[in-house]
């Protein structure tokens, strides 16, 4: 379960047995949501926020921070997905403490 980012207390990660579409999970204070990153023709088309079965979703303000983060870092997240799941490289966790505007 590689953690790829921490952002304002939100842990953003992949599960080791993930599947497409490319997505990340955001966890905060026992709640969890996921963000699917939809790519078409090599370009970001959409980010879909989804519920995680059996988990309470992120609280609204935290969910807004999570979505803003994913929108801002989508390209890097896609690259980390490729590195980890396709190229089998290790990835490190980056801590970001400044709010994205």
PDB file of N, CA and C in Angstrom:
ATOM      1  N   UNK A   1       0.847  -1.160   0.000  1.00  0.00           N
ATOM      2  CA  UNK A   1       0.000   0.000   0.000  1.00  0.00           C
ATOM      3  C   UNK A   1       0.901   1.234   0.000  1.00  0.00           C
ATOM      4  N   UNK A   2       1.392   1.622  -1.154  1.00  0.00           N
ATOM      5  CA  UNK A   2       2.302   2.769  -1.180  1.00  0.00           C
ATOM      6  C   UNK A   2       1.595   4.106  -0.976  1.00  0.00           C
ATOM      7  N   UNK A   3       2.062   4.833   0.050  1.00  0.00           N
ATOM      8  CA  UNK A   3       1.634   6.208   0.254  1.00  0.00           C
ATOM      9  C   UNK A   3       2.389   7.040  -0.766  1.00  0.00           C
ATOM     10  N   UNK A   4       1.680   7.924  -1.462  1.00  0.00           N
ATOM     11  CA  UNK A   4       2.382   8.751  -2.433  1.00  0.00           C
ATOM     12  C   UNK A   4       2.450  10.213  -2.017  1.00  0.00           C
ATOM     13  N   UNK A   5       1.488  10.665  -1.230  1.00  0.00           N
ATOM     14  CA  UNK A   5       1.496  12.046  -0.742  1.00  0.00           C
ATOM     15  C   UNK A   5       0.815  12.091   0.623  1.00  0.00           C
ATOM     16  N   UNK A   6       1.198  13.088   1.405  1.00  0.00           N
ATOM     17  CA  UNK A   6       0.366  13.536   2.512  1.00  0.00           C
ATOM     18  C   UNK A   6       0.126  15.020   2.255  1.00  0.00           C
ATOM     19  N   UNK A   7      -1.123  15.426   2.435  1.00  0.00           N
ATOM     20  CA  UNK A   7      -1.511  16.800   2.137  1.00  0.00           C
ATOM     21  C   UNK A   7      -2.512  17.264   3.174  1.00  0.00           C
ATOM     22  N   UNK A   8      -2.113  18.203   4.004  1.00  0.00           N
ATOM     23  CA  UNK A   8      -2.990  18.764   5.037  1.00  0.00           C
ATOM     24  C   UNK A   8      -3.650  17.671   5.875  1.00  0.00           C
ATOM     25  N   UNK A   9      -2.896  16.641   6.209  1.00  0.00           N
ATOM     26  CA  UNK A   9      -3.412  15.536   7.022  1.00  0.00           C
ATOM     27  C   UNK A   9      -4.084  14.430   6.235  1.00  0.00           C
ATOM     28  N   UNK A  10      -4.258  14.610   4.939  1.00  0.00           N
ATOM     29  CA  UNK A  10      -4.866  13.578   4.086  1.00  0.00           C
ATOM     30  C   UNK A  10      -3.745  12.677   3.572  1.00  0.00           C
ATOM     31  N   UNK A  11      -3.898  11.385   3.763  1.00  0.00           N
ATOM     32  CA  UNK A  11      -2.940  10.426   3.221  1.00  0.00           C
ATOM     33  C   UNK A  11      -3.476   9.982   1.860  1.00  0.00           C
ATOM     34  N   UNK A  12      -2.673  10.151   0.823  1.00  0.00           N
ATOM     35  CA  UNK A  12      -3.072   9.810  -0.540  1.00  0.00           C
ATOM     36  C   UNK A  12      -2.216   8.629  -0.957  1.00  0.00           C
ATOM     37  N   UNK A  13      -2.884   7.547  -1.399  1.00  0.00           N
ATOM     38  CA  UNK A  13      -2.175   6.289  -1.619  1.00  0.00           C
ATOM     39  C   UNK A  13      -2.798   5.454  -2.727  1.00  0.00           C
ATOM     40  N   UNK A  14      -2.005   4.480  -3.165  1.00  0.00           N
ATOM     41  CA  UNK A  14      -2.494   3.393  -4.018  1.00  0.00           C
ATOM     42  C   UNK A  14      -2.596   2.164  -3.126  1.00  0.00           C
ATOM     43  N   UNK A  15      -3.521   1.278  -3.413  1.00  0.00           N
ATOM     44  CA  UNK A  15      -3.469  -0.063  -2.838  1.00  0.00           C
ATOM     45  C   UNK A  15      -2.635  -0.911  -3.790  1.00  0.00           C
ATOM     46  N   UNK A  16      -1.912  -1.869  -3.272  1.00  0.00           N
ATOM     47  CA  UNK A  16      -0.974  -2.651  -4.087  1.00  0.00           C
ATOM     48  C   UNK A  16      -1.647  -3.494  -5.161  1.00  0.00           C
ATOM     49  N   UNK A  17      -2.900  -3.821  -4.994  1.00  0.00           N
ATOM     50  CA  UNK A  17      -3.599  -4.674  -5.966  1.00  0.00           C
ATOM     51  C   UNK A  17      -4.607  -3.874  -6.786  1.00  0.00           C
ATOM     52  N   UNK A  18      -4.238  -2.668  -7.182  1.00  0.00           N
ATOM     53  CA  UNK A  18      -5.170  -1.777  -7.865  1.00  0.00           C
ATOM     54  C   UNK A  18      -5.499  -2.224  -9.283  1.00  0.00           C
ATOM     55  N   UNK A  19      -6.475  -1.573  -9.833  1.00  0.00           N
ATOM     56  CA  UNK A  19      -6.992  -1.856 -11.168  1.00  0.00           C
ATOM     57  C   UNK A  19      -7.257  -0.517 -11.845  1.00  0.00           C
ATOM     58  N   UNK A  20      -7.448  -0.557 -13.139  1.00  0.00           N
ATOM     59  CA  UNK A  20      -7.796   0.680 -13.847  1.00  0.00           C
ATOM     60  C   UNK A  20      -9.276   0.965 -13.656  1.00  0.00           C
ATOM     61  N   UNK A  21      -9.741   2.182 -13.782  1.00  0.00           N
ATOM     62  CA  UNK A  21      -8.982   3.350 -14.204  1.00  0.00           C
ATOM     63  C   UNK A  21      -7.997   3.788 -13.124  1.00  0.00           C
ATOM     64  N   UNK A  22      -7.037   4.603 -13.533  1.00  0.00           N
ATOM     65  CA  UNK A  22      -6.068   5.137 -12.590  1.00  0.00           C
ATOM     66  C   UNK A  22      -6.834   5.871 -11.494  1.00  0.00           C
ATOM     67  N   UNK A  23      -6.508   5.553 -10.257  1.00  0.00           N
ATOM     68  CA  UNK A  23      -7.173   6.219  -9.143  1.00  0.00           C
ATOM     69  C   UNK A  23      -6.303   6.182  -7.896  1.00  0.00           C
ATOM     70  N   UNK A  24      -6.609   7.076  -6.982  1.00  0.00           N
ATOM     71  CA  UNK A  24      -5.942   7.137  -5.690  1.00  0.00           C
ATOM     72  C   UNK A  24      -7.000   7.197  -4.603  1.00  0.00           C
ATOM     73  N   UNK A  25      -6.592   6.762  -3.433  1.00  0.00           N
ATOM     74  CA  UNK A  25      -7.457   6.822  -2.260  1.00  0.00           C
ATOM     75  C   UNK A  25      -6.965   7.942  -1.369  1.00  0.00           C
ATOM     76  N   UNK A  26      -7.891   8.635  -0.757  1.00  0.00           N
ATOM     77  CA  UNK A  26      -7.576   9.659   0.232  1.00  0.00           C
ATOM     78  C   UNK A  26      -8.160   9.244   1.567  1.00  0.00           C
ATOM     79  N   UNK A  27      -7.307   9.204   2.590  1.00  0.00           N
ATOM     80  CA  UNK A  27      -7.748   8.821   3.935  1.00  0.00           C
ATOM     81  C   UNK A  27      -7.482   9.971   4.897  1.00  0.00           C
ATOM     82  N   UNK A  28      -8.470  10.195   5.774  1.00  0.00           N
ATOM     83  CA  UNK A  28      -8.332  11.248   6.773  1.00  0.00           C
ATOM     84  C   UNK A  28      -9.242  10.934   7.945  1.00  0.00           C
ATOM     85  N   UNK A  29      -8.667  10.795   9.122  1.00  0.00           N
ATOM     86  CA  UNK A  29      -9.399  10.565  10.366  1.00  0.00           C
ATOM     87  C   UNK A  29     -10.431   9.449  10.243  1.00  0.00           C
ATOM     88  N   UNK A  30     -10.026   8.325   9.661  1.00  0.00           N
ATOM     89  CA  UNK A  30     -10.891   7.149   9.555  1.00  0.00           C
ATOM     90  C   UNK A  30     -11.866   7.176   8.396  1.00  0.00           C
ATOM     91  N   UNK A  31     -11.899   8.253   7.644  1.00  0.00           N
ATOM     92  CA  UNK A  31     -12.773   8.349   6.472  1.00  0.00           C
ATOM     93  C   UNK A  31     -11.937   8.141   5.216  1.00  0.00           C
ATOM     94  N   UNK A  32     -12.607   7.740   4.125  1.00  0.00           N
ATOM     95  CA  UNK A  32     -11.877   7.446   2.891  1.00  0.00           C
ATOM     96  C   UNK A  32     -12.758   7.688   1.668  1.00  0.00           C
ATOM     97  N   UNK A  33     -12.175   8.293   0.661  1.00  0.00           N
ATOM     98  CA  UNK A  33     -12.807   8.460  -0.652  1.00  0.00           C
ATOM     99  C   UNK A  33     -11.749   8.143  -1.690  1.00  0.00           C
ATOM    100  N   UNK A  34     -12.168   7.968  -2.937  1.00  0.00           N
ATOM    101  CA  UNK A  34     -11.178   7.762  -3.988  1.00  0.00           C
ATOM    102  C   UNK A  34     -11.468   8.694  -5.153  1.00  0.00           C
ATOM    103  N   UNK A  35     -10.423   8.964  -5.908  1.00  0.00           N
ATOM    104  CA  UNK A  35     -10.524   9.841  -7.073  1.00  0.00           C
ATOM    105  C   UNK A  35     -10.021   9.074  -8.287  1.00  0.00           C
ATOM    106  N   UNK A  36     -10.895   8.897  -9.278  1.00  0.00           N
ATOM    107  CA  UNK A  36     -10.505   8.273 -10.535  1.00  0.00           C
ATOM    108  C   UNK A  36     -10.036   9.373 -11.483  1.00  0.00           C
ATOM    109  N   UNK A  37      -8.914   9.138 -12.125  1.00  0.00           N
ATOM    110  CA  UNK A  37      -8.348  10.101 -13.070  1.00  0.00           C
ATOM    111  C   UNK A  37      -8.583   9.535 -14.470  1.00  0.00           C
ATOM    112  N   UNK A  38      -9.456  10.175 -15.208  1.00  0.00           N
ATOM    113  CA  UNK A  38      -9.845   9.688 -16.533  1.00  0.00           C
ATOM    114  C   UNK A  38      -9.006  10.420 -17.584  1.00  0.00           C
ATOM    115  N   UNK A  39      -8.263   9.634 -18.352  1.00  0.00           N
ATOM    116  CA  UNK A  39      -7.390  10.162 -19.400  1.00  0.00           C
ATOM    117  C   UNK A  39      -7.929   9.704 -20.752  1.00  0.00           C
ATOM    118  N   UNK A  40      -8.026  10.623 -21.694  1.00  0.00           N
ATOM    119  CA  UNK A  40      -8.396  10.283 -23.074  1.00  0.00           C
ATOM    120  C   UNK A  40      -7.429  10.977 -24.014  1.00  0.00           C
ATOM    121  N   UNK A  41      -6.900  10.222 -24.963  1.00  0.00           N
ATOM    122  CA  UNK A  41      -5.939  10.759 -25.932  1.00  0.00           C
ATOM    123  C   UNK A  41      -4.773  11.460 -25.238  1.00  0.00           C
ATOM    124  N   UNK A  42      -4.333  10.870 -24.110  1.00  0.00           N
ATOM    125  CA  UNK A  42      -3.185  11.404 -23.398  1.00  0.00           C
ATOM    126  C   UNK A  42      -3.436  12.663 -22.598  1.00  0.00           C
ATOM    127  N   UNK A  43      -4.699  13.072 -22.478  1.00  0.00           N
ATOM    128  CA  UNK A  43      -5.026  14.293 -21.742  1.00  0.00           C
ATOM    129  C   UNK A  43      -6.043  14.012 -20.649  1.00  0.00           C
ATOM    130  N   UNK A  44      -5.930  14.769 -19.575  1.00  0.00           N
ATOM    131  CA  UNK A  44      -6.880  14.656 -18.474  1.00  0.00           C
ATOM    132  C   UNK A  44      -8.260  15.072 -18.966  1.00  0.00           C
ATOM    133  N   UNK A  45      -9.205  14.153 -18.844  1.00  0.00           N
ATOM    134  CA  UNK A  45     -10.570  14.452 -19.255  1.00  0.00           C
ATOM    135  C   UNK A  45     -11.442  14.808 -18.055  1.00  0.00           C
ATOM    136  N   UNK A  46     -11.264  14.028 -16.977  1.00  0.00           N
ATOM    137  CA  UNK A  46     -12.182  14.183 -15.843  1.00  0.00           C
ATOM    138  C   UNK A  46     -11.583  13.555 -14.595  1.00  0.00           C
ATOM    139  N   UNK A  47     -11.974  14.083 -13.444  1.00  0.00           N
ATOM    140  CA  UNK A  47     -11.674  13.459 -12.160  1.00  0.00           C
ATOM    141  C   UNK A  47     -13.009  13.127 -11.518  1.00  0.00           C
ATOM    142  N   UNK A  48     -13.192  11.858 -11.192  1.00  0.00           N
ATOM    143  CA  UNK A  48     -14.440  11.394 -10.584  1.00  0.00           C
ATOM    144  C   UNK A  48     -14.175  11.001  -9.137  1.00  0.00           C
ATOM    145  N   UNK A  49     -14.888  11.619  -8.229  1.00  0.00           N
ATOM    146  CA  UNK A  49     -14.782  11.263  -6.818  1.00  0.00           C
ATOM    147  C   UNK A  49     -15.791  10.144  -6.555  1.00  0.00           C
ATOM    148  N   UNK A  50     -15.310   9.073  -5.934  1.00  0.00           N
ATOM    149  CA  UNK A  50     -16.138   7.889  -5.697  1.00  0.00           C
ATOM    150  C   UNK A  50     -16.127   7.515  -4.217  1.00  0.00           C
ATOM    151  N   UNK A  51     -17.173   6.835  -3.816  1.00  0.00           N
ATOM    152  CA  UNK A  51     -17.235   6.264  -2.477  1.00  0.00           C
ATOM    153  C   UNK A  51     -16.389   5.001  -2.440  1.00  0.00           C
ATOM    154  N   UNK A  52     -15.925   4.646  -1.250  1.00  0.00           N
ATOM    155  CA  UNK A  52     -15.199   3.398  -1.041  1.00  0.00           C
ATOM    156  C   UNK A  52     -16.111   2.501  -0.214  1.00  0.00           C
ATOM    157  N   UNK A  53     -16.426   1.348  -0.749  1.00  0.00           N
ATOM    158  CA  UNK A  53     -17.360   0.432  -0.093  1.00  0.00           C
ATOM    159  C   UNK A  53     -16.911   0.128   1.338  1.00  0.00           C
ATOM    160  N   UNK A  54     -17.850   0.265   2.256  1.00  0.00           N
ATOM    161  CA  UNK A  54     -17.583  -0.039   3.655  1.00  0.00           C
ATOM    162  C   UNK A  54     -16.875   1.060   4.428  1.00  0.00           C
ATOM    163  N   UNK A  55     -16.645   2.210   3.800  1.00  0.00           N
ATOM    164  CA  UNK A  55     -15.953   3.323   4.462  1.00  0.00           C
ATOM    165  C   UNK A  55     -16.815   4.577   4.444  1.00  0.00           C
ATOM    166  N   UNK A  56     -16.711   5.369   5.481  1.00  0.00           N
ATOM    167  CA  UNK A  56     -17.366   6.679   5.477  1.00  0.00           C
ATOM    168  C   UNK A  56     -16.554   7.597   4.575  1.00  0.00           C
ATOM    169  N   UNK A  57     -17.230   8.405   3.743  1.00  0.00           N
ATOM    170  CA  UNK A  57     -16.488   9.300   2.845  1.00  0.00           C
ATOM    171  C   UNK A  57     -15.808  10.430   3.606  1.00  0.00           C
ATOM    172  N   UNK A  58     -14.825  11.031   2.951  1.00  0.00           N
ATOM    173  CA  UNK A  58     -14.175  12.212   3.522  1.00  0.00           C
ATOM    174  C   UNK A  58     -15.222  13.278   3.808  1.00  0.00           C
ATOM    175  N   UNK A  59     -15.004  14.023   4.862  1.00  0.00           N
ATOM    176  CA  UNK A  59     -15.891  15.139   5.202  1.00  0.00           C
ATOM    177  C   UNK A  59     -15.835  16.180   4.085  1.00  0.00           C
ATOM    178  N   UNK A  60     -16.907  16.966   3.891  1.00  0.00           N
ATOM    179  CA  UNK A  60     -16.963  17.887   2.749  1.00  0.00           C
ATOM    180  C   UNK A  60     -15.754  18.812   2.588  1.00  0.00           C
ATOM    181  N   UNK A  61     -15.274  19.443   3.650  1.00  0.00           N
ATOM    182  CA  UNK A  61     -14.135  20.355   3.491  1.00  0.00           C
ATOM    183  C   UNK A  61     -12.864  19.584   3.133  1.00  0.00           C
ATOM    184  N   UNK A  62     -12.685  18.409   3.736  1.00  0.00           N
ATOM    185  CA  UNK A  62     -11.530  17.577   3.418  1.00  0.00           C
ATOM    186  C   UNK A  62     -11.643  17.044   1.995  1.00  0.00           C
ATOM    187  N   UNK A  63     -12.847  16.684   1.594  1.00  0.00           N
ATOM    188  CA  UNK A  63     -13.069  16.196   0.235  1.00  0.00           C
ATOM    189  C   UNK A  63     -12.727  17.283  -0.790  1.00  0.00           C
ATOM    190  N   UNK A  64     -13.075  18.527  -0.497  1.00  0.00           N
ATOM    191  CA  UNK A  64     -12.716  19.634  -1.394  1.00  0.00           C
ATOM    192  C   UNK A  64     -11.198  19.777  -1.511  1.00  0.00           C
ATOM    193  N   UNK A  65     -10.494  19.668  -0.371  1.00  0.00           N
ATOM    194  CA  UNK A  65      -9.027  19.729  -0.399  1.00  0.00           C
ATOM    195  C   UNK A  65      -8.458  18.565  -1.211  1.00  0.00           C
ATOM    196  N   UNK A  66      -8.998  17.379  -1.027  1.00  0.00           N
ATOM    197  CA  UNK A  66      -8.555  16.181  -1.745  1.00  0.00           C
ATOM    198  C   UNK A  66      -8.741  16.378  -3.250  1.00  0.00           C
ATOM    199  N   UNK A  67      -9.909  16.827  -3.648  1.00  0.00           N
ATOM    200  CA  UNK A  67     -10.180  17.015  -5.081  1.00  0.00           C
ATOM    201  C   UNK A  67      -9.274  18.090  -5.678  1.00  0.00           C
ATOM    202  N   UNK A  68      -9.091  19.192  -4.980  1.00  0.00           N
ATOM    203  CA  UNK A  68      -8.186  20.248  -5.465  1.00  0.00           C
ATOM    204  C   UNK A  68      -6.773  19.709  -5.647  1.00  0.00           C
ATOM    205  N   UNK A  69      -6.338  18.905  -4.695  1.00  0.00           N
ATOM    206  CA  UNK A  69      -5.005  18.320  -4.770  1.00  0.00           C
ATOM    207  C   UNK A  69      -4.889  17.417  -5.997  1.00  0.00           C
ATOM    208  N   UNK A  70      -5.870  16.560  -6.206  1.00  0.00           N
ATOM    209  CA  UNK A  70      -5.831  15.627  -7.336  1.00  0.00           C
ATOM    210  C   UNK A  70      -5.844  16.399  -8.654  1.00  0.00           C
ATOM    211  N   UNK A  71      -6.645  17.427  -8.754  1.00  0.00           N
ATOM    212  CA  UNK A  71      -6.680  18.242  -9.977  1.00  0.00           C
ATOM    213  C   UNK A  71      -5.312  18.863 -10.254  1.00  0.00           C
ATOM    214  N   UNK A  72      -4.662  19.367  -9.213  1.00  0.00           N
ATOM    215  CA  UNK A  72      -3.380  20.044  -9.367  1.00  0.00           C
ATOM    216  C   UNK A  72      -2.252  19.062  -9.702  1.00  0.00           C
ATOM    217  N   UNK A  73      -2.270  17.873  -9.077  1.00  0.00           N
ATOM    218  CA  UNK A  73      -1.181  16.905  -9.221  1.00  0.00           C
ATOM    219  C   UNK A  73      -1.528  15.710 -10.110  1.00  0.00           C
ATOM    220  N   UNK A  74      -2.569  15.797 -10.899  1.00  0.00           N
ATOM    221  CA  UNK A  74      -3.022  14.654 -11.707  1.00  0.00           C
ATOM    222  C   UNK A  74      -1.917  14.069 -12.579  1.00  0.00           C
ATOM    223  N   UNK A  75      -1.155  14.916 -13.270  1.00  0.00           N
ATOM    224  CA  UNK A  75      -0.090  14.408 -14.136  1.00  0.00           C
ATOM    225  C   UNK A  75       0.958  13.628 -13.355  1.00  0.00           C
ATOM    226  N   UNK A  76       1.357  14.150 -12.200  1.00  0.00           N
ATOM    227  CA  UNK A  76       2.335  13.443 -11.363  1.00  0.00           C
ATOM    228  C   UNK A  76       1.768  12.128 -10.836  1.00  0.00           C
ATOM    229  N   UNK A  77       0.495  12.123 -10.472  1.00  0.00           N
ATOM    230  CA  UNK A  77      -0.133  10.902  -9.975  1.00  0.00           C
ATOM    231  C   UNK A  77      -0.157   9.841 -11.069  1.00  0.00           C
ATOM    232  N   UNK A  78      -0.501  10.237 -12.279  1.00  0.00           N
ATOM    233  CA  UNK A  78      -0.502   9.288 -13.402  1.00  0.00           C
ATOM    234  C   UNK A  78       0.909   8.724 -13.598  1.00  0.00           C
ATOM    235  N   UNK A  79       1.919   9.563 -13.526  1.00  0.00           N
ATOM    236  CA  UNK A  79       3.294   9.082 -13.685  1.00  0.00           C
ATOM    237  C   UNK A  79       3.672   8.118 -12.568  1.00  0.00           C
ATOM    238  N   UNK A  80       3.269   8.424 -11.336  1.00  0.00           N
ATOM    239  CA  UNK A  80       3.544   7.511 -10.218  1.00  0.00           C
ATOM    240  C   UNK A  80       2.830   6.179 -10.417  1.00  0.00           C
ATOM    241  N   UNK A  81       1.616   6.213 -10.961  1.00  0.00           N
ATOM    242  CA  UNK A  81       0.878   4.973 -11.256  1.00  0.00           C
ATOM    243  C   UNK A  81       1.673   4.127 -12.256  1.00  0.00           C
ATOM    244  N   UNK A  82       2.133   4.762 -13.317  1.00  0.00           N
ATOM    245  CA  UNK A  82       2.914   4.049 -14.346  1.00  0.00           C
ATOM    246  C   UNK A  82       4.197   3.500 -13.732  1.00  0.00           C
ATOM    247  N   UNK A  83       4.895   4.333 -12.978  1.00  0.00           N
ATOM    248  CA  UNK A  83       6.136   3.882 -12.344  1.00  0.00           C
ATOM    249  C   UNK A  83       5.898   2.664 -11.460  1.00  0.00           C
ATOM    250  N   UNK A  84       4.855   2.699 -10.656  1.00  0.00           N
ATOM    251  CA  UNK A  84       4.618   1.627  -9.687  1.00  0.00           C
ATOM    252  C   UNK A  84       4.012   0.379 -10.318  1.00  0.00           C
ATOM    253  N   UNK A  85       2.926   0.545 -11.077  1.00  0.00           N
ATOM    254  CA  UNK A  85       2.195  -0.619 -11.573  1.00  0.00           C
ATOM    255  C   UNK A  85       2.717  -1.164 -12.896  1.00  0.00           C
ATOM    256  N   UNK A  86       3.309  -0.330 -13.731  1.00  0.00           N
ATOM    257  CA  UNK A  86       3.782  -0.782 -15.043  1.00  0.00           C
ATOM    258  C   UNK A  86       5.286  -1.056 -15.009  1.00  0.00           C
ATOM    259  N   UNK A  87       6.045  -0.104 -14.485  1.00  0.00           N
ATOM    260  CA  UNK A  87       7.502  -0.231 -14.492  1.00  0.00           C
ATOM    261  C   UNK A  87       8.055  -0.884 -13.228  1.00  0.00           C
ATOM    262  N   UNK A  88       7.202  -1.105 -12.234  1.00  0.00           N
ATOM    263  CA  UNK A  88       7.555  -1.759 -10.970  1.00  0.00           C
ATOM    264  C   UNK A  88       8.700  -1.049 -10.245  1.00  0.00           C
ATOM    265  N   UNK A  89       8.653   0.270 -10.271  1.00  0.00           N
ATOM    266  CA  UNK A  89       9.626   1.075  -9.540  1.00  0.00           C
ATOM    267  C   UNK A  89       9.079   1.394  -8.161  1.00  0.00           C
ATOM    268  N   UNK A  90      10.005   1.620  -7.232  1.00  0.00           N
ATOM    269  CA  UNK A  90       9.583   2.098  -5.921  1.00  0.00           C
ATOM    270  C   UNK A  90       9.231   3.575  -6.039  1.00  0.00           C
ATOM    271  N   UNK A  91       8.244   3.980  -5.277  1.00  0.00           N
ATOM    272  CA  UNK A  91       7.878   5.393  -5.251  1.00  0.00           C
ATOM    273  C   UNK A  91       7.920   5.878  -3.810  1.00  0.00           C
ATOM    274  N   UNK A  92       8.232   7.138  -3.646  1.00  0.00           N
ATOM    275  CA  UNK A  92       8.342   7.682  -2.297  1.00  0.00           C
ATOM    276  C   UNK A  92       7.178   8.624  -2.013  1.00  0.00           C
ATOM    277  N   UNK A  93       6.943   8.824  -0.738  1.00  0.00           N
ATOM    278  CA  UNK A  93       5.874   9.707  -0.291  1.00  0.00           C
ATOM    279  C   UNK A  93       6.398  11.134  -0.180  1.00  0.00           C
ATOM    280  N   UNK A  94       5.627  12.061  -0.709  1.00  0.00           N
ATOM    281  CA  UNK A  94       5.976  13.474  -0.642  1.00  0.00           C
ATOM    282  C   UNK A  94       4.967  14.160   0.278  1.00  0.00           C
ATOM    283  N   UNK A  95       5.498  14.931   1.216  1.00  0.00           N
ATOM    284  CA  UNK A  95       4.637  15.657   2.142  1.00  0.00           C
ATOM    285  C   UNK A  95       4.468  17.094   1.654  1.00  0.00           C
ATOM    286  N   UNK A  96       3.214  17.517   1.519  1.00  0.00           N
ATOM    287  CA  UNK A  96       2.905  18.872   1.059  1.00  0.00           C
ATOM    288  C   UNK A  96       2.028  19.526   2.117  1.00  0.00           C
ATOM    289  N   UNK A  97       2.501  20.618   2.673  1.00  0.00           N
ATOM    290  CA  UNK A  97       1.790  21.275   3.767  1.00  0.00           C
ATOM    291  C   UNK A  97       1.154  22.600   3.377  1.00  0.00           C
ATOM    292  N   UNK A  98       1.469  23.094   2.186  1.00  0.00           N
ATOM    293  CA  UNK A  98       0.874  24.360   1.758  1.00  0.00           C
ATOM    294  C   UNK A  98      -0.400  24.099   0.972  1.00  0.00           C
ATOM    295  N   UNK A  99      -1.436  24.826   1.311  1.00  0.00           N
ATOM    296  CA  UNK A  99      -2.730  24.659   0.664  1.00  0.00           C
ATOM    297  C   UNK A  99      -2.635  25.059  -0.801  1.00  0.00           C
ATOM    298  N   UNK A 100      -3.250  24.253  -1.662  1.00  0.00           N
ATOM    299  CA  UNK A 100      -3.330  24.540  -3.084  1.00  0.00           C
ATOM    300  C   UNK A 100      -4.485  25.496  -3.292  1.00  0.00           C
ATOM    301  N   UNK A 101      -4.276  26.528  -4.091  1.00  0.00           N
ATOM    302  CA  UNK A 101      -5.327  27.528  -4.307  1.00  0.00           C
ATOM    303  C   UNK A 101      -5.987  27.335  -5.636  1.00  0.00           C
TER     304      UNK A 101
END
